[in-house]
Amino acid sequence: MSEEMKELLPRLIAAGIGAAFFVIWGIYWYRNAPKIDQWMKDDWISQFAGHIPKENRVWKFRRGLVFTFIAAAILFLFFLCNLAQILDAL
């Protein structure tokens, strides 16, 4: 294995694992947004968010998860770039 391959392989693995993690993390929290809203109502946070309708709270939480999917997309692009460099080195 060449030096270039030894340098690129850990970056490829890290970018792939990071992208997969952020996708799974985002999907999990996106699907469980109503459950999180219920947890927030049971906690002390309800005194701050109690006046906002439930649909708006869930929508705002899901809107905040967009950054998780953006991070996953960026890491996936790094993964593809590293994969292309490794394939080019072969």
C-alpha atoms as a PDB file:
ATOM      1  CA  MET A   1       0.000   0.000   0.000  1.00  0.00           C
ATOM      2  CA  SER A   2       1.440   3.362  -0.994  1.00  0.00           C
ATOM      3  CA  GLU A   3       1.932   6.280   1.379  1.00  0.00           C
ATOM      4  CA  GLU A   4      -0.871   8.191  -0.291  1.00  0.00           C
ATOM      5  CA  MET A   5      -3.281   5.308   0.283  1.00  0.00           C
ATOM      6  CA  LYS A   6      -2.238   5.029   3.932  1.00  0.00           C
ATOM      7  CA  GLU A   7      -2.968   8.733   4.365  1.00  0.00           C
ATOM      8  CA  LEU A   8      -6.318   8.727   2.553  1.00  0.00           C
ATOM      9  CA  LEU A   9      -7.810   5.554   3.994  1.00  0.00           C
ATOM     10  CA  PRO A  10      -8.391   6.874   7.556  1.00  0.00           C
ATOM     11  CA  ARG A  11      -9.946  10.049   6.148  1.00  0.00           C
ATOM     12  CA  LEU A  12     -12.229   7.966   3.938  1.00  0.00           C
ATOM     13  CA  ILE A  13     -13.334   5.814   6.855  1.00  0.00           C
ATOM     14  CA  ALA A  14     -13.879   8.810   9.155  1.00  0.00           C
ATOM     15  CA  ALA A  15     -15.938  10.686   6.560  1.00  0.00           C
ATOM     16  CA  GLY A  16     -18.047   7.597   5.798  1.00  0.00           C
ATOM     17  CA  ILE A  17     -18.740   6.824   9.447  1.00  0.00           C
ATOM     18  CA  GLY A  18     -19.493  10.496  10.172  1.00  0.00           C
ATOM     19  CA  ALA A  19     -21.921  10.782   7.271  1.00  0.00           C
ATOM     20  CA  ALA A  20     -23.723   7.582   8.268  1.00  0.00           C
ATOM     21  CA  PHE A  21     -23.899   8.710  11.907  1.00  0.00           C
ATOM     22  CA  PHE A  22     -25.408  12.101  11.054  1.00  0.00           C
ATOM     23  CA  VAL A  23     -27.974  10.542   8.710  1.00  0.00           C
ATOM     24  CA  ILE A  24     -29.076   8.003  11.322  1.00  0.00           C
ATOM     25  CA  TRP A  25     -29.058  10.650  14.079  1.00  0.00           C
ATOM     26  CA  GLY A  26     -31.157  13.055  11.982  1.00  0.00           C
ATOM     27  CA  ILE A  27     -33.691  10.437  10.934  1.00  0.00           C
ATOM     28  CA  TYR A  28     -34.089   9.251  14.522  1.00  0.00           C
ATOM     29  CA  TRP A  29     -34.768  12.717  15.915  1.00  0.00           C
ATOM     30  CA  TYR A  30     -36.915  13.748  12.938  1.00  0.00           C
ATOM     31  CA  ARG A  31     -39.204  10.755  13.441  1.00  0.00           C
ATOM     32  CA  ASN A  32     -39.357  11.231  17.224  1.00  0.00           C
ATOM     33  CA  ALA A  33     -40.074  14.967  17.225  1.00  0.00           C
ATOM     34  CA  PRO A  34     -43.612  14.552  18.659  1.00  0.00           C
ATOM     35  CA  LYS A  35     -42.214  12.382  21.451  1.00  0.00           C
ATOM     36  CA  ILE A  36     -39.623  15.048  22.252  1.00  0.00           C
ATOM     37  CA  ASP A  37     -42.403  17.603  22.405  1.00  0.00           C
ATOM     38  CA  GLN A  38     -44.149  15.444  24.999  1.00  0.00           C
ATOM     39  CA  TRP A  39     -40.931  15.198  27.024  1.00  0.00           C
ATOM     40  CA  MET A  40     -40.566  18.961  26.900  1.00  0.00           C
ATOM     41  CA  LYS A  41     -44.128  19.407  28.173  1.00  0.00           C
ATOM     42  CA  ASP A  42     -43.363  17.128  31.118  1.00  0.00           C
ATOM     43  CA  ASP A  43     -40.199  19.028  32.004  1.00  0.00           C
ATOM     44  CA  TRP A  44     -39.522  22.511  33.372  1.00  0.00           C
ATOM     45  CA  ILE A  45     -39.099  23.742  29.788  1.00  0.00           C
ATOM     46  CA  SER A  46     -42.901  23.742  29.398  1.00  0.00           C
ATOM     47  CA  GLN A  47     -43.121  27.069  31.190  1.00  0.00           C
ATOM     48  CA  PHE A  48     -41.147  28.633  28.321  1.00  0.00           C
ATOM     49  CA  ALA A  49     -42.677  26.754  25.391  1.00  0.00           C
ATOM     50  CA  GLY A  50     -46.200  26.131  26.693  1.00  0.00           C
ATOM     51  CA  HIS A  51     -47.757  29.077  24.867  1.00  0.00           C
ATOM     52  CA  ILE A  52     -46.550  27.892  21.429  1.00  0.00           C
ATOM     53  CA  PRO A  53     -48.923  25.469  19.633  1.00  0.00           C
ATOM     54  CA  LYS A  54     -47.695  21.881  19.416  1.00  0.00           C
ATOM     55  CA  GLU A  55     -47.545  21.866  15.609  1.00  0.00           C
ATOM     56  CA  ASN A  56     -45.241  24.904  15.642  1.00  0.00           C
ATOM     57  CA  ARG A  57     -42.953  23.409  18.278  1.00  0.00           C
ATOM     58  CA  VAL A  58     -42.581  20.152  16.356  1.00  0.00           C
ATOM     59  CA  TRP A  59     -42.056  22.025  13.080  1.00  0.00           C
ATOM     60  CA  LYS A  60     -39.358  24.246  14.623  1.00  0.00           C
ATOM     61  CA  PHE A  61     -37.556  21.246  16.058  1.00  0.00           C
ATOM     62  CA  ARG A  62     -37.629  19.467  12.706  1.00  0.00           C
ATOM     63  CA  ARG A  63     -36.468  22.634  10.966  1.00  0.00           C
ATOM     64  CA  GLY A  64     -33.464  22.703  13.296  1.00  0.00           C
ATOM     65  CA  LEU A  65     -32.567  19.179  12.216  1.00  0.00           C
ATOM     66  CA  VAL A  66     -31.883  20.438   8.698  1.00  0.00           C
ATOM     67  CA  PHE A  67     -28.361  21.310   9.860  1.00  0.00           C
ATOM     68  CA  THR A  68     -27.803  17.668  10.796  1.00  0.00           C
ATOM     69  CA  PHE A  69     -28.677  16.619   7.267  1.00  0.00           C
ATOM     70  CA  ILE A  70     -26.469  19.379   5.830  1.00  0.00           C
ATOM     71  CA  ALA A  71     -23.564  18.075   7.923  1.00  0.00           C
ATOM     72  CA  ALA A  72     -24.245  14.560   6.623  1.00  0.00           C
ATOM     73  CA  ALA A  73     -24.249  15.830   3.033  1.00  0.00           C
ATOM     74  CA  ILE A  74     -20.950  17.648   3.519  1.00  0.00           C
ATOM     75  CA  LEU A  75     -19.336  14.573   5.065  1.00  0.00           C
ATOM     76  CA  PHE A  76     -20.683  12.461   2.211  1.00  0.00           C
ATOM     77  CA  LEU A  77     -19.030  14.849  -0.262  1.00  0.00           C
ATOM     78  CA  PHE A  78     -15.732  14.468   1.625  1.00  0.00           C
ATOM     79  CA  PHE A  79     -16.240  10.711   1.476  1.00  0.00           C
ATOM     80  CA  LEU A  80     -16.738  10.825  -2.292  1.00  0.00           C
ATOM     81  CA  CYS A  81     -13.703  13.075  -2.792  1.00  0.00           C
ATOM     82  CA  ASN A  82     -11.497  10.776  -0.723  1.00  0.00           C
ATOM     83  CA  LEU A  83     -12.870   7.745  -2.543  1.00  0.00           C
ATOM     84  CA  ALA A  84     -12.062   9.370  -5.888  1.00  0.00           C
ATOM     85  CA  GLN A  85      -8.500  10.135  -4.709  1.00  0.00           C
ATOM     86  CA  ILE A  86      -7.997   6.554  -3.552  1.00  0.00           C
ATOM     87  CA  LEU A  87      -9.342   5.156  -6.820  1.00  0.00           C
ATOM     88  CA  ASP A  88      -7.115   7.570  -8.726  1.00  0.00           C
ATOM     89  CA  ALA A  89      -4.086   6.364  -6.751  1.00  0.00           C
ATOM     90  CA  LEU A  90      -4.802   2.785  -7.734  1.00  0.00           C
END
